[in-house]
């Protein structure tokens, strides 16, 4: 499957009622300060800016 077909499939899911619910749930989760800190830690670790321990 080409990357374009995969992106199109993801876009279709995001437009569905279930996809919109999942997106809203993720937004609410990300707004919580504790969760935002966890997300920032993971992002920094993936980008190579986190501590190794």
PDB file of N, CA and C in Angstrom:
ATOM      1  N   UNK A   1       0.856  -1.176   0.000  1.00  0.00           N
ATOM      2  CA  UNK A   1       0.000   0.000   0.000  1.00  0.00           C
ATOM      3  C   UNK A   1       0.902   1.239   0.000  1.00  0.00           C
ATOM      4  N   UNK A   2       0.605   2.161  -0.865  1.00  0.00           N
ATOM      5  CA  UNK A   2       1.421   3.366  -0.956  1.00  0.00           C
ATOM      6  C   UNK A   2       1.144   4.288   0.236  1.00  0.00           C
ATOM      7  N   UNK A   3       2.059   5.168   0.483  1.00  0.00           N
ATOM      8  CA  UNK A   3       1.921   6.114   1.595  1.00  0.00           C
ATOM      9  C   UNK A   3       0.698   7.001   1.403  1.00  0.00           C
ATOM     10  N   UNK A   4       0.386   7.327   0.157  1.00  0.00           N
ATOM     11  CA  UNK A   4      -0.756   8.195  -0.118  1.00  0.00           C
ATOM     12  C   UNK A   4      -2.065   7.499   0.216  1.00  0.00           C
ATOM     13  N   UNK A   5      -2.137   6.202  -0.072  1.00  0.00           N
ATOM     14  CA  UNK A   5      -3.340   5.444   0.268  1.00  0.00           C
ATOM     15  C   UNK A   5      -3.498   5.330   1.777  1.00  0.00           C
ATOM     16  N   UNK A   6      -2.380   5.159   2.483  1.00  0.00           N
ATOM     17  CA  UNK A   6      -2.421   5.072   3.943  1.00  0.00           C
ATOM     18  C   UNK A   6      -2.897   6.397   4.538  1.00  0.00           C
ATOM     19  N   UNK A   7      -2.385   7.501   4.026  1.00  0.00           N
ATOM     20  CA  UNK A   7      -2.787   8.823   4.507  1.00  0.00           C
ATOM     21  C   UNK A   7      -4.264   9.057   4.228  1.00  0.00           C
ATOM     22  N   UNK A   8      -4.717   8.654   3.057  1.00  0.00           N
ATOM     23  CA  UNK A   8      -6.128   8.815   2.707  1.00  0.00           C
ATOM     24  C   UNK A   8      -7.010   7.998   3.637  1.00  0.00           C
ATOM     25  N   UNK A   9      -6.562   6.805   3.986  1.00  0.00           N
ATOM     26  CA  UNK A   9      -7.330   5.951   4.893  1.00  0.00           C
ATOM     27  C   UNK A   9      -7.408   6.583   6.287  1.00  0.00           C
ATOM     28  N   UNK A  10      -6.302   7.120   6.763  1.00  0.00           N
ATOM     29  CA  UNK A  10      -6.284   7.791   8.064  1.00  0.00           C
ATOM     30  C   UNK A  10      -7.214   9.001   8.033  1.00  0.00           C
ATOM     31  N   UNK A  11      -7.202   9.741   6.962  1.00  0.00           N
ATOM     32  CA  UNK A  11      -8.075  10.909   6.828  1.00  0.00           C
ATOM     33  C   UNK A  11      -9.544  10.482   6.847  1.00  0.00           C
ATOM     34  N   UNK A  12      -9.857   9.370   6.193  1.00  0.00           N
ATOM     35  CA  UNK A  12     -11.236   8.869   6.202  1.00  0.00           C
ATOM     36  C   UNK A  12     -11.677   8.490   7.608  1.00  0.00           C
ATOM     37  N   UNK A  13     -10.796   7.834   8.345  1.00  0.00           N
ATOM     38  CA  UNK A  13     -11.120   7.440   9.723  1.00  0.00           C
ATOM     39  C   UNK A  13     -11.321   8.683  10.585  1.00  0.00           C
ATOM     40  N   UNK A  14     -10.479   9.689  10.394  1.00  0.00           N
ATOM     41  CA  UNK A  14     -10.572  10.912  11.194  1.00  0.00           C
ATOM     42  C   UNK A  14     -11.882  11.648  10.948  1.00  0.00           C
ATOM     43  N   UNK A  15     -12.454  11.483   9.778  1.00  0.00           N
ATOM     44  CA  UNK A  15     -13.711  12.154   9.451  1.00  0.00           C
ATOM     45  C   UNK A  15     -14.933  11.388   9.949  1.00  0.00           C
ATOM     46  N   UNK A  16     -14.747  10.137  10.327  1.00  0.00           N
ATOM     47  CA  UNK A  16     -15.867   9.319  10.782  1.00  0.00           C
ATOM     48  C   UNK A  16     -16.270   9.746  12.194  1.00  0.00           C
ATOM     49  N   UNK A  17     -17.492   9.411  12.621  1.00  0.00           N
ATOM     50  CA  UNK A  17     -17.916   9.747  13.989  1.00  0.00           C
ATOM     51  C   UNK A  17     -16.988   9.145  15.051  1.00  0.00           C
ATOM     52  N   UNK A  18     -16.551   7.926  14.847  1.00  0.00           N
ATOM     53  CA  UNK A  18     -15.641   7.298  15.812  1.00  0.00           C
ATOM     54  C   UNK A  18     -14.299   8.020  15.825  1.00  0.00           C
ATOM     55  N   UNK A  19     -13.823   8.408  14.666  1.00  0.00           N
ATOM     56  CA  UNK A  19     -12.559   9.123  14.587  1.00  0.00           C
ATOM     57  C   UNK A  19     -12.632  10.481  15.253  1.00  0.00           C
ATOM     58  N   UNK A  20     -13.750  11.183  15.045  1.00  0.00           N
ATOM     59  CA  UNK A  20     -13.921  12.499  15.693  1.00  0.00           C
ATOM     60  C   UNK A  20     -13.977  12.345  17.209  1.00  0.00           C
ATOM     61  N   UNK A  21     -14.640  11.298  17.689  1.00  0.00           N
ATOM     62  CA  UNK A  21     -14.690  11.056  19.145  1.00  0.00           C
ATOM     63  C   UNK A  21     -13.297  10.788  19.690  1.00  0.00           C
ATOM     64  N   UNK A  22     -12.527   9.987  18.974  1.00  0.00           N
ATOM     65  CA  UNK A  22     -11.170   9.668  19.412  1.00  0.00           C
ATOM     66  C   UNK A  22     -10.300  10.923  19.445  1.00  0.00           C
ATOM     67  N   UNK A  23     -10.449  11.773  18.446  1.00  0.00           N
ATOM     68  CA  UNK A  23      -9.672  13.013  18.398  1.00  0.00           C
ATOM     69  C   UNK A  23     -10.052  13.926  19.566  1.00  0.00           C
ATOM     70  N   UNK A  24     -11.340  14.063  19.841  1.00  0.00           N
ATOM     71  CA  UNK A  24     -11.780  14.898  20.966  1.00  0.00           C
ATOM     72  C   UNK A  24     -11.287  14.339  22.296  1.00  0.00           C
ATOM     73  N   UNK A  25     -11.316  13.023  22.441  1.00  0.00           N
ATOM     74  CA  UNK A  25     -10.832  12.393  23.663  1.00  0.00           C
ATOM     75  C   UNK A  25      -9.335  12.654  23.827  1.00  0.00           C
ATOM     76  N   UNK A  26      -8.584  12.560  22.754  1.00  0.00           N
ATOM     77  CA  UNK A  26      -7.142  12.818  22.809  1.00  0.00           C
ATOM     78  C   UNK A  26      -6.860  14.277  23.167  1.00  0.00           C
ATOM     79  N   UNK A  27      -7.655  15.190  22.631  1.00  0.00           N
ATOM     80  CA  UNK A  27      -7.478  16.616  22.962  1.00  0.00           C
ATOM     81  C   UNK A  27      -7.733  16.864  24.442  1.00  0.00           C
ATOM     82  N   UNK A  28      -8.805  16.261  24.973  1.00  0.00           N
ATOM     83  CA  UNK A  28      -9.096  16.428  26.404  1.00  0.00           C
ATOM     84  C   UNK A  28      -7.972  15.852  27.254  1.00  0.00           C
ATOM     85  N   UNK A  29      -7.475  14.693  26.867  1.00  0.00           N
ATOM     86  CA  UNK A  29      -6.387  14.052  27.591  1.00  0.00           C
ATOM     87  C   UNK A  29      -5.149  14.950  27.591  1.00  0.00           C
ATOM     88  N   UNK A  30      -4.844  15.532  26.448  1.00  0.00           N
ATOM     89  CA  UNK A  30      -3.636  16.349  26.307  1.00  0.00           C
ATOM     90  C   UNK A  30      -3.730  17.663  27.074  1.00  0.00           C
ATOM     91  N   UNK A  31      -4.937  18.124  27.387  1.00  0.00           N
ATOM     92  CA  UNK A  31      -5.091  19.389  28.102  1.00  0.00           C
ATOM     93  C   UNK A  31      -4.808  19.260  29.593  1.00  0.00           C
ATOM     94  N   UNK A  32      -4.888  18.057  30.148  1.00  0.00           N
ATOM     95  CA  UNK A  32      -4.609  17.838  31.567  1.00  0.00           C
ATOM     96  C   UNK A  32      -3.118  18.106  31.809  1.00  0.00           C
ATOM     97  N   UNK A  33      -2.787  18.947  32.786  1.00  0.00           N
ATOM     98  CA  UNK A  33      -1.371  19.292  33.014  1.00  0.00           C
ATOM     99  C   UNK A  33      -0.475  18.075  33.278  1.00  0.00           C
ATOM    100  N   UNK A  34      -0.959  17.092  34.034  1.00  0.00           N
ATOM    101  CA  UNK A  34      -0.147  15.900  34.301  1.00  0.00           C
ATOM    102  C   UNK A  34       0.116  15.141  33.010  1.00  0.00           C
ATOM    103  N   UNK A  35      -0.911  14.999  32.212  1.00  0.00           N
ATOM    104  CA  UNK A  35      -0.759  14.275  30.958  1.00  0.00           C
ATOM    105  C   UNK A  35       0.108  15.045  29.982  1.00  0.00           C
ATOM    106  N   UNK A  36      -0.017  16.372  29.976  1.00  0.00           N
ATOM    107  CA  UNK A  36       0.808  17.190  29.081  1.00  0.00           C
ATOM    108  C   UNK A  36       2.283  17.010  29.426  1.00  0.00           C
ATOM    109  N   UNK A  37       2.589  16.942  30.712  1.00  0.00           N
ATOM    110  CA  UNK A  37       3.971  16.726  31.138  1.00  0.00           C
ATOM    111  C   UNK A  37       4.484  15.365  30.644  1.00  0.00           C
ATOM    112  N   UNK A  38       3.647  14.341  30.753  1.00  0.00           N
ATOM    113  CA  UNK A  38       4.024  13.012  30.262  1.00  0.00           C
ATOM    114  C   UNK A  38       4.271  13.043  28.758  1.00  0.00           C
ATOM    115  N   UNK A  39       3.373  13.698  28.044  1.00  0.00           N
ATOM    116  CA  UNK A  39       3.496  13.785  26.586  1.00  0.00           C
ATOM    117  C   UNK A  39       4.782  14.520  26.214  1.00  0.00           C
ATOM    118  N   UNK A  40       5.058  15.631  26.891  1.00  0.00           N
ATOM    119  CA  UNK A  40       6.270  16.405  26.604  1.00  0.00           C
ATOM    120  C   UNK A  40       7.528  15.579  26.865  1.00  0.00           C
ATOM    121  N   UNK A  41       7.497  14.789  27.957  1.00  0.00           N
ATOM    122  CA  UNK A  41       8.645  13.936  28.266  1.00  0.00           C
ATOM    123  C   UNK A  41       8.896  12.921  27.160  1.00  0.00           C
ATOM    124  N   UNK A  42       7.830  12.281  26.696  1.00  0.00           N
ATOM    125  CA  UNK A  42       7.966  11.278  25.635  1.00  0.00           C
ATOM    126  C   UNK A  42       8.455  11.928  24.343  1.00  0.00           C
ATOM    127  N   UNK A  43       7.888  13.082  23.998  1.00  0.00           N
ATOM    128  CA  UNK A  43       8.301  13.772  22.777  1.00  0.00           C
ATOM    129  C   UNK A  43       9.785  14.139  22.862  1.00  0.00           C
ATOM    130  N   UNK A  44      10.207  14.671  23.994  1.00  0.00           N
ATOM    131  CA  UNK A  44      11.613  15.045  24.148  1.00  0.00           C
ATOM    132  C   UNK A  44      12.524  13.823  24.087  1.00  0.00           C
ATOM    133  N   UNK A  45      12.065  12.705  24.664  1.00  0.00           N
ATOM    134  CA  UNK A  45      12.867  11.487  24.629  1.00  0.00           C
ATOM    135  C   UNK A  45      13.009  10.989  23.191  1.00  0.00           C
ATOM    136  N   UNK A  46      11.918  11.038  22.443  1.00  0.00           N
ATOM    137  CA  UNK A  46      11.961  10.589  21.048  1.00  0.00           C
ATOM    138  C   UNK A  46      12.857  11.495  20.217  1.00  0.00           C
ATOM    139  N   UNK A  47      12.815  12.781  20.514  1.00  0.00           N
ATOM    140  CA  UNK A  47      13.644  13.734  19.767  1.00  0.00           C
ATOM    141  C   UNK A  47      15.104  13.702  20.230  1.00  0.00           C
ATOM    142  N   UNK A  48      15.401  12.959  21.298  1.00  0.00           N
ATOM    143  CA  UNK A  48      16.781  12.836  21.759  1.00  0.00           C
ATOM    144  C   UNK A  48      17.191  13.900  22.750  1.00  0.00           C
ATOM    145  N   UNK A  49      16.226  14.620  23.298  1.00  0.00           N
ATOM    146  CA  UNK A  49      16.557  15.676  24.260  1.00  0.00           C
ATOM    147  C   UNK A  49      16.304  15.238  25.702  1.00  0.00           C
ATOM    148  N   UNK A  50      15.788  14.036  25.888  1.00  0.00           N
ATOM    149  CA  UNK A  50      15.454  13.562  27.229  1.00  0.00           C
ATOM    150  C   UNK A  50      16.645  12.961  27.919  1.00  0.00           C
ATOM    151  N   UNK A  51      16.505  12.749  29.211  1.00  0.00           N
ATOM    152  CA  UNK A  51      17.563  12.103  29.977  1.00  0.00           C
ATOM    153  C   UNK A  51      17.541  10.614  29.680  1.00  0.00           C
ATOM    154  N   UNK A  52      18.668   9.972  29.770  1.00  0.00           N
ATOM    155  CA  UNK A  52      18.769   8.556  29.410  1.00  0.00           C
ATOM    156  C   UNK A  52      18.356   7.640  30.548  1.00  0.00           C
ATOM    157  N   UNK A  53      18.068   8.157  31.742  1.00  0.00           N
ATOM    158  CA  UNK A  53      17.662   7.286  32.855  1.00  0.00           C
ATOM    159  C   UNK A  53      16.326   7.580  33.316  1.00  0.00           C
TER     160      UNK A  53
END
